[in-house]
Amino acid sequence: MKERSDLFQVMLDAVQNHSARVIVEAELRDSREVAAAKTIANQGVVLLASVHACTLAQVAHNLTLNGQDDGGCEVFPGRKD
């Protein structure tokens, strides 16, 4: 992938063209990536992804991510180093 902006399409191609069962994404950063992640998860593919924030409240109030969860999301807070 040459540009980060191409990530959402790469994620969708992995499911549509390569029959992926699991996709691991390091970080969802924008609305296109979140939409691609939701599409992938709705197709029955296991999706593991991270989002970065200092607090759980920041994630909950993030307008890009808010409302994208259909109930199948689990949160695992990282360590503070």
PDB file of N, CA and C in Angstrom:
ATOM      1  N   MET A   1       0.850  -1.153   0.000  1.00  0.00           N
ATOM      2  CA  MET A   1       0.000   0.000   0.000  1.00  0.00           C
ATOM      3  C   MET A   1       0.906   1.229   0.000  1.00  0.00           C
ATOM      4  N   LYS A   2       0.726   2.083  -0.971  1.00  0.00           N
ATOM      5  CA  LYS A   2       1.581   3.265  -1.103  1.00  0.00           C
ATOM      6  C   LYS A   2       1.166   4.392  -0.173  1.00  0.00           C
ATOM      7  N   GLU A   3      -0.122   4.605  -0.030  1.00  0.00           N
ATOM      8  CA  GLU A   3      -0.635   5.718   0.766  1.00  0.00           C
ATOM      9  C   GLU A   3      -1.552   5.203   1.869  1.00  0.00           C
ATOM     10  N   ARG A   4      -1.488   5.814   3.026  1.00  0.00           N
ATOM     11  CA  ARG A   4      -2.383   5.449   4.123  1.00  0.00           C
ATOM     12  C   ARG A   4      -3.848   5.604   3.706  1.00  0.00           C
ATOM     13  N   SER A   5      -4.132   6.554   2.845  1.00  0.00           N
ATOM     14  CA  SER A   5      -5.504   6.800   2.408  1.00  0.00           C
ATOM     15  C   SER A   5      -6.084   5.631   1.614  1.00  0.00           C
ATOM     16  N   ASP A   6      -5.239   4.697   1.156  1.00  0.00           N
ATOM     17  CA  ASP A   6      -5.698   3.526   0.416  1.00  0.00           C
ATOM     18  C   ASP A   6      -6.087   2.367   1.333  1.00  0.00           C
ATOM     19  N   LEU A   7      -5.866   2.517   2.633  1.00  0.00           N
ATOM     20  CA  LEU A   7      -6.067   1.408   3.562  1.00  0.00           C
ATOM     21  C   LEU A   7      -7.481   0.850   3.513  1.00  0.00           C
ATOM     22  N   PHE A   8      -8.492   1.718   3.493  1.00  0.00           N
ATOM     23  CA  PHE A   8      -9.861   1.210   3.506  1.00  0.00           C
ATOM     24  C   PHE A   8     -10.123   0.287   2.328  1.00  0.00           C
ATOM     25  N   GLN A   9      -9.586   0.616   1.152  1.00  0.00           N
ATOM     26  CA  GLN A   9      -9.801  -0.229  -0.022  1.00  0.00           C
ATOM     27  C   GLN A   9      -9.013  -1.532   0.084  1.00  0.00           C
ATOM     28  N   VAL A  10      -7.825  -1.485   0.634  1.00  0.00           N
ATOM     29  CA  VAL A  10      -7.024  -2.695   0.846  1.00  0.00           C
ATOM     30  C   VAL A  10      -7.752  -3.644   1.792  1.00  0.00           C
ATOM     31  N   MET A  11      -8.360  -3.086   2.849  1.00  0.00           N
ATOM     32  CA  MET A  11      -9.115  -3.912   3.800  1.00  0.00           C
ATOM     33  C   MET A  11     -10.283  -4.608   3.096  1.00  0.00           C
ATOM     34  N   LEU A  12     -11.030  -3.868   2.290  1.00  0.00           N
ATOM     35  CA  LEU A  12     -12.168  -4.460   1.581  1.00  0.00           C
ATOM     36  C   LEU A  12     -11.717  -5.489   0.550  1.00  0.00           C
ATOM     37  N   ASP A  13     -10.632  -5.205  -0.163  1.00  0.00           N
ATOM     38  CA  ASP A  13     -10.111  -6.148  -1.150  1.00  0.00           C
ATOM     39  C   ASP A  13      -9.696  -7.457  -0.500  1.00  0.00           C
ATOM     40  N   ALA A  14      -9.139  -7.385   0.697  1.00  0.00           N
ATOM     41  CA  ALA A  14      -8.709  -8.598   1.400  1.00  0.00           C
ATOM     42  C   ALA A  14      -9.883  -9.538   1.633  1.00  0.00           C
ATOM     43  N   VAL A  15     -11.030  -8.983   1.916  1.00  0.00           N
ATOM     44  CA  VAL A  15     -12.222  -9.800   2.160  1.00  0.00           C
ATOM     45  C   VAL A  15     -12.860 -10.247   0.845  1.00  0.00           C
ATOM     46  N   GLN A  16     -12.991  -9.334  -0.091  1.00  0.00           N
ATOM     47  CA  GLN A  16     -13.704  -9.629  -1.338  1.00  0.00           C
ATOM     48  C   GLN A  16     -12.915 -10.525  -2.278  1.00  0.00           C
ATOM     49  N   ASN A  17     -11.610 -10.373  -2.312  1.00  0.00           N
ATOM     50  CA  ASN A  17     -10.812 -11.089  -3.307  1.00  0.00           C
ATOM     51  C   ASN A  17      -9.950 -12.223  -2.757  1.00  0.00           C
ATOM     52  N   HIS A  18      -9.800 -12.286  -1.450  1.00  0.00           N
ATOM     53  CA  HIS A  18      -8.880 -13.265  -0.892  1.00  0.00           C
ATOM     54  C   HIS A  18      -9.495 -14.141   0.186  1.00  0.00           C
ATOM     55  N   SER A  19     -10.779 -14.052   0.392  1.00  0.00           N
ATOM     56  CA  SER A  19     -11.498 -14.883   1.367  1.00  0.00           C
ATOM     57  C   SER A  19     -10.859 -14.852   2.752  1.00  0.00           C
ATOM     58  N   ALA A  20     -10.473 -13.687   3.193  1.00  0.00           N
ATOM     59  CA  ALA A  20      -9.869 -13.562   4.526  1.00  0.00           C
ATOM     60  C   ALA A  20     -10.884 -13.952   5.594  1.00  0.00           C
ATOM     61  N   ARG A  21     -10.405 -14.617   6.626  1.00  0.00           N
ATOM     62  CA  ARG A  21     -11.259 -14.970   7.765  1.00  0.00           C
ATOM     63  C   ARG A  21     -11.002 -14.057   8.955  1.00  0.00           C
ATOM     64  N   VAL A  22      -9.783 -13.540   9.018  1.00  0.00           N
ATOM     65  CA  VAL A  22      -9.387 -12.646  10.107  1.00  0.00           C
ATOM     66  C   VAL A  22      -8.590 -11.500   9.501  1.00  0.00           C
ATOM     67  N   ILE A  23      -8.891 -10.287   9.941  1.00  0.00           N
ATOM     68  CA  ILE A  23      -8.111  -9.120   9.538  1.00  0.00           C
ATOM     69  C   ILE A  23      -7.661  -8.407  10.803  1.00  0.00           C
ATOM     70  N   VAL A  24      -6.381  -8.079  10.854  1.00  0.00           N
ATOM     71  CA  VAL A  24      -5.820  -7.323  11.974  1.00  0.00           C
ATOM     72  C   VAL A  24      -5.413  -5.962  11.434  1.00  0.00           C
ATOM     73  N   GLU A  25      -5.952  -4.928  12.029  1.00  0.00           N
ATOM     74  CA  GLU A  25      -5.657  -3.551  11.614  1.00  0.00           C
ATOM     75  C   GLU A  25      -5.029  -2.824  12.798  1.00  0.00           C
ATOM     76  N   ALA A  26      -3.898  -2.200  12.563  1.00  0.00           N
ATOM     77  CA  ALA A  26      -3.162  -1.543  13.647  1.00  0.00           C
ATOM     78  C   ALA A  26      -3.921  -0.363  14.237  1.00  0.00           C
ATOM     79  N   GLU A  27      -4.571   0.425  13.402  1.00  0.00           N
ATOM     80  CA  GLU A  27      -5.264   1.609  13.928  1.00  0.00           C
ATOM     81  C   GLU A  27      -6.302   2.090  12.926  1.00  0.00           C
ATOM     82  N   LEU A  28      -7.533   2.271  13.399  1.00  0.00           N
ATOM     83  CA  LEU A  28      -8.567   2.894  12.581  1.00  0.00           C
ATOM     84  C   LEU A  28      -8.505   4.383  12.859  1.00  0.00           C
ATOM     85  N   ARG A  29      -8.320   5.190  11.802  1.00  0.00           N
ATOM     86  CA  ARG A  29      -8.109   6.620  12.018  1.00  0.00           C
ATOM     87  C   ARG A  29      -9.180   7.518  11.440  1.00  0.00           C
ATOM     88  N   ASP A  30      -9.881   7.089  10.394  1.00  0.00           N
ATOM     89  CA  ASP A  30     -10.850   8.007   9.793  1.00  0.00           C
ATOM     90  C   ASP A  30     -12.141   7.277   9.461  1.00  0.00           C
ATOM     91  N   SER A  31     -13.122   8.037   9.006  1.00  0.00           N
ATOM     92  CA  SER A  31     -14.456   7.480   8.790  1.00  0.00           C
ATOM     93  C   SER A  31     -14.475   6.418   7.693  1.00  0.00           C
ATOM     94  N   ARG A  32     -13.636   6.547   6.682  1.00  0.00           N
ATOM     95  CA  ARG A  32     -13.596   5.520   5.628  1.00  0.00           C
ATOM     96  C   ARG A  32     -13.072   4.207   6.166  1.00  0.00           C
ATOM     97  N   GLU A  33     -12.050   4.259   7.020  1.00  0.00           N
ATOM     98  CA  GLU A  33     -11.518   3.041   7.617  1.00  0.00           C
ATOM     99  C   GLU A  33     -12.537   2.395   8.554  1.00  0.00           C
ATOM    100  N   VAL A  34     -13.254   3.219   9.319  1.00  0.00           N
ATOM    101  CA  VAL A  34     -14.290   2.698  10.215  1.00  0.00           C
ATOM    102  C   VAL A  34     -15.406   2.054   9.391  1.00  0.00           C
ATOM    103  N   ALA A  35     -15.818   2.692   8.305  1.00  0.00           N
ATOM    104  CA  ALA A  35     -16.864   2.127   7.449  1.00  0.00           C
ATOM    105  C   ALA A  35     -16.411   0.801   6.832  1.00  0.00           C
ATOM    106  N   ALA A  36     -15.164   0.737   6.385  1.00  0.00           N
ATOM    107  CA  ALA A  36     -14.634  -0.514   5.825  1.00  0.00           C
ATOM    108  C   ALA A  36     -14.606  -1.596   6.897  1.00  0.00           C
ATOM    109  N   ALA A  37     -14.198  -1.236   8.112  1.00  0.00           N
ATOM    110  CA  ALA A  37     -14.156  -2.202   9.213  1.00  0.00           C
ATOM    111  C   ALA A  37     -15.553  -2.736   9.512  1.00  0.00           C
ATOM    112  N   LYS A  38     -16.537  -1.862   9.517  1.00  0.00           N
ATOM    113  CA  LYS A  38     -17.911  -2.288   9.783  1.00  0.00           C
ATOM    114  C   LYS A  38     -18.413  -3.213   8.675  1.00  0.00           C
ATOM    115  N   THR A  39     -18.115  -2.894   7.420  1.00  0.00           N
ATOM    116  CA  THR A  39     -18.504  -3.743   6.299  1.00  0.00           C
ATOM    117  C   THR A  39     -17.874  -5.118   6.433  1.00  0.00           C
ATOM    118  N   ILE A  40     -16.600  -5.144   6.765  1.00  0.00           N
ATOM    119  CA  ILE A  40     -15.878  -6.412   6.928  1.00  0.00           C
ATOM    120  C   ILE A  40     -16.491  -7.230   8.057  1.00  0.00           C
ATOM    121  N   ALA A  41     -16.723  -6.613   9.201  1.00  0.00           N
ATOM    122  CA  ALA A  41     -17.291  -7.326  10.346  1.00  0.00           C
ATOM    123  C   ALA A  41     -18.691  -7.852  10.025  1.00  0.00           C
ATOM    124  N   ASN A  42     -19.470  -7.098   9.260  1.00  0.00           N
ATOM    125  CA  ASN A  42     -20.819  -7.531   8.895  1.00  0.00           C
ATOM    126  C   ASN A  42     -20.817  -8.705   7.927  1.00  0.00           C
ATOM    127  N   GLN A  43     -19.676  -8.982   7.308  1.00  0.00           N
ATOM    128  CA  GLN A  43     -19.561 -10.121   6.401  1.00  0.00           C
ATOM    129  C   GLN A  43     -19.075 -11.367   7.121  1.00  0.00           C
ATOM    130  N   GLY A  44     -18.976 -11.291   8.439  1.00  0.00           N
ATOM    131  CA  GLY A  44     -18.604 -12.455   9.226  1.00  0.00           C
ATOM    132  C   GLY A  44     -17.111 -12.649   9.400  1.00  0.00           C
ATOM    133  N   VAL A  45     -16.315 -11.688   9.004  1.00  0.00           N
ATOM    134  CA  VAL A  45     -14.867 -11.763   9.161  1.00  0.00           C
ATOM    135  C   VAL A  45     -14.503 -11.239  10.551  1.00  0.00           C
ATOM    136  N   VAL A  46     -13.612 -11.941  11.235  1.00  0.00           N
ATOM    137  CA  VAL A  46     -13.147 -11.478  12.531  1.00  0.00           C
ATOM    138  C   VAL A  46     -12.210 -10.303  12.297  1.00  0.00           C
ATOM    139  N   LEU A  47     -12.499  -9.192  12.951  1.00  0.00           N
ATOM    140  CA  LEU A  47     -11.702  -7.986  12.779  1.00  0.00           C
ATOM    141  C   LEU A  47     -11.145  -7.559  14.121  1.00  0.00           C
ATOM    142  N   LEU A  48      -9.826  -7.464  14.199  1.00  0.00           N
ATOM    143  CA  LEU A  48      -9.144  -6.944  15.384  1.00  0.00           C
ATOM    144  C   LEU A  48      -8.522  -5.620  14.979  1.00  0.00           C
ATOM    145  N   ALA A  49      -8.904  -4.549  15.659  1.00  0.00           N
ATOM    146  CA  ALA A  49      -8.401  -3.229  15.298  1.00  0.00           C
ATOM    147  C   ALA A  49      -8.192  -2.409  16.552  1.00  0.00           C
ATOM    148  N   SER A  50      -7.334  -1.431  16.430  1.00  0.00           N
ATOM    149  CA  SER A  50      -7.118  -0.526  17.558  1.00  0.00           C
ATOM    150  C   SER A  50      -7.530   0.882  17.158  1.00  0.00           C
ATOM    151  N   VAL A  51      -7.850   1.648  18.159  1.00  0.00           N
ATOM    152  CA  VAL A  51      -8.037   3.086  18.017  1.00  0.00           C
ATOM    153  C   VAL A  51      -7.223   3.701  19.140  1.00  0.00           C
ATOM    154  N   HIS A  52      -6.706   4.881  18.914  1.00  0.00           N
ATOM    155  CA  HIS A  52      -5.820   5.483  19.892  1.00  0.00           C
ATOM    156  C   HIS A  52      -6.483   6.680  20.557  1.00  0.00           C
ATOM    157  N   ALA A  53      -6.400   6.690  21.875  1.00  0.00           N
ATOM    158  CA  ALA A  53      -6.929   7.785  22.690  1.00  0.00           C
ATOM    159  C   ALA A  53      -6.283   7.686  24.064  1.00  0.00           C
ATOM    160  N   CYS A  54      -6.372   8.752  24.818  1.00  0.00           N
ATOM    161  CA  CYS A  54      -5.808   8.749  26.174  1.00  0.00           C
ATOM    162  C   CYS A  54      -6.773   8.157  27.188  1.00  0.00           C
ATOM    163  N   THR A  55      -8.077   8.263  26.926  1.00  0.00           N
ATOM    164  CA  THR A  55      -9.074   7.732  27.855  1.00  0.00           C
ATOM    165  C   THR A  55     -10.169   7.015  27.075  1.00  0.00           C
ATOM    166  N   LEU A  56     -10.885   6.155  27.760  1.00  0.00           N
ATOM    167  CA  LEU A  56     -12.002   5.464  27.150  1.00  0.00           C
ATOM    168  C   LEU A  56     -13.100   6.454  26.764  1.00  0.00           C
ATOM    169  N   ALA A  57     -13.246   7.522  27.546  1.00  0.00           N
ATOM    170  CA  ALA A  57     -14.239   8.552  27.239  1.00  0.00           C
ATOM    171  C   ALA A  57     -13.939   9.208  25.894  1.00  0.00           C
ATOM    172  N   GLN A  58     -12.673   9.405  25.576  1.00  0.00           N
ATOM    173  CA  GLN A  58     -12.316   9.994  24.280  1.00  0.00           C
ATOM    174  C   GLN A  58     -12.763   9.099  23.129  1.00  0.00           C
ATOM    175  N   VAL A  59     -12.633   7.794  23.300  1.00  0.00           N
ATOM    176  CA  VAL A  59     -13.087   6.870  22.263  1.00  0.00           C
ATOM    177  C   VAL A  59     -14.608   6.937  22.150  1.00  0.00           C
ATOM    178  N   ALA A  60     -15.306   6.935  23.288  1.00  0.00           N
ATOM    179  CA  ALA A  60     -16.766   6.946  23.291  1.00  0.00           C
ATOM    180  C   ALA A  60     -17.323   8.217  22.663  1.00  0.00           C
ATOM    181  N   HIS A  61     -16.619   9.332  22.806  1.00  0.00           N
ATOM    182  CA  HIS A  61     -17.098  10.610  22.287  1.00  0.00           C
ATOM    183  C   HIS A  61     -16.490  10.995  20.937  1.00  0.00           C
ATOM    184  N   ASN A  62     -15.711  10.099  20.360  1.00  0.00           N
ATOM    185  CA  ASN A  62     -15.093  10.347  19.059  1.00  0.00           C
ATOM    186  C   ASN A  62     -16.170  10.266  17.982  1.00  0.00           C
ATOM    187  N   LEU A  63     -16.432  11.357  17.297  1.00  0.00           N
ATOM    188  CA  LEU A  63     -17.509  11.406  16.310  1.00  0.00           C
ATOM    189  C   LEU A  63     -17.277  10.446  15.145  1.00  0.00           C
ATOM    190  N   THR A  64     -16.039  10.153  14.829  1.00  0.00           N
ATOM    191  CA  THR A  64     -15.734   9.224  13.747  1.00  0.00           C
ATOM    192  C   THR A  64     -16.139   7.812  14.127  1.00  0.00           C
ATOM    193  N   LEU A  65     -15.920   7.438  15.383  1.00  0.00           N
ATOM    194  CA  LEU A  65     -16.193   6.076  15.829  1.00  0.00           C
ATOM    195  C   LEU A  65     -17.575   5.918  16.450  1.00  0.00           C
ATOM    196  N   ASN A  66     -18.121   6.972  16.992  1.00  0.00           N
ATOM    197  CA  ASN A  66     -19.392   6.903  17.699  1.00  0.00           C
ATOM    198  C   ASN A  66     -20.506   6.442  16.761  1.00  0.00           C
ATOM    199  N   GLY A  67     -21.271   5.482  17.212  1.00  0.00           N
ATOM    200  CA  GLY A  67     -22.378   4.985  16.413  1.00  0.00           C
ATOM    201  C   GLY A  67     -21.980   3.933  15.401  1.00  0.00           C
ATOM    202  N   GLN A  68     -20.701   3.638  15.282  1.00  0.00           N
ATOM    203  CA  GLN A  68     -20.260   2.636  14.317  1.00  0.00           C
ATOM    204  C   GLN A  68     -20.338   1.224  14.884  1.00  0.00           C
ATOM    205  N   ASP A  69     -20.386   1.108  16.187  1.00  0.00           N
ATOM    206  CA  ASP A  69     -20.414  -0.201  16.823  1.00  0.00           C
ATOM    207  C   ASP A  69     -21.832  -0.753  16.808  1.00  0.00           C
ATOM    208  N   ASP A  70     -21.979  -1.965  16.309  1.00  0.00           N
ATOM    209  CA  ASP A  70     -23.299  -2.597  16.267  1.00  0.00           C
ATOM    210  C   ASP A  70     -23.477  -3.577  17.421  1.00  0.00           C
ATOM    211  N   GLY A  71     -22.661  -3.437  18.463  1.00  0.00           N
ATOM    212  CA  GLY A  71     -22.786  -4.307  19.623  1.00  0.00           C
ATOM    213  C   GLY A  71     -21.763  -5.423  19.655  1.00  0.00           C
ATOM    214  N   GLY A  72     -20.960  -5.578  18.609  1.00  0.00           N
ATOM    215  CA  GLY A  72     -19.999  -6.667  18.555  1.00  0.00           C
ATOM    216  C   GLY A  72     -18.589  -6.228  18.903  1.00  0.00           C
ATOM    217  N   CYS A  73     -18.451  -5.141  19.615  1.00  0.00           N
ATOM    218  CA  CYS A  73     -17.147  -4.570  19.907  1.00  0.00           C
ATOM    219  C   CYS A  73     -16.773  -4.815  21.362  1.00  0.00           C
ATOM    220  N   GLU A  74     -15.523  -5.162  21.582  1.00  0.00           N
ATOM    221  CA  GLU A  74     -15.001  -5.277  22.937  1.00  0.00           C
ATOM    222  C   GLU A  74     -13.837  -4.310  23.068  1.00  0.00           C
ATOM    223  N   VAL A  75     -13.693  -3.734  24.237  1.00  0.00           N
ATOM    224  CA  VAL A  75     -12.626  -2.766  24.478  1.00  0.00           C
ATOM    225  C   VAL A  75     -11.621  -3.370  25.448  1.00  0.00           C
ATOM    226  N   PHE A  76     -10.343  -3.283  25.077  1.00  0.00           N
ATOM    227  CA  PHE A  76      -9.268  -3.751  25.918  1.00  0.00           C
ATOM    228  C   PHE A  76      -8.292  -2.604  26.105  1.00  0.00           C
ATOM    229  N   PRO A  77      -8.423  -1.858  27.198  1.00  0.00           N
ATOM    230  CA  PRO A  77      -7.510  -0.712  27.419  1.00  0.00           C
ATOM    231  C   PRO A  77      -6.069  -1.187  27.494  1.00  0.00           C
ATOM    232  N   GLY A  78      -5.178  -0.392  26.910  1.00  0.00           N
ATOM    233  CA  GLY A  78      -3.749  -0.696  26.950  1.00  0.00           C
ATOM    234  C   GLY A  78      -3.124  -0.199  28.240  1.00  0.00           C
ATOM    235  N   ARG A  79      -1.876  -0.562  28.407  1.00  0.00           N
ATOM    236  CA  ARG A  79      -1.122  -0.103  29.576  1.00  0.00           C
ATOM    237  C   ARG A  79      -0.649   1.315  29.361  1.00  0.00           C
ATOM    238  N   LYS A  80      -0.507   2.021  30.435  1.00  0.00           N
ATOM    239  CA  LYS A  80       0.082   3.363  30.375  1.00  0.00           C
ATOM    240  C   LYS A  80       1.533   3.236  30.766  1.00  0.00           C
ATOM    241  N   ASP A  81       2.419   3.393  29.786  1.00  0.00           N
ATOM    242  CA  ASP A  81       3.865   3.262  30.049  1.00  0.00           C
ATOM    243  C   ASP A  81       4.515   4.595  30.165  1.00  0.00           C
TER     244      ASP A  81
END
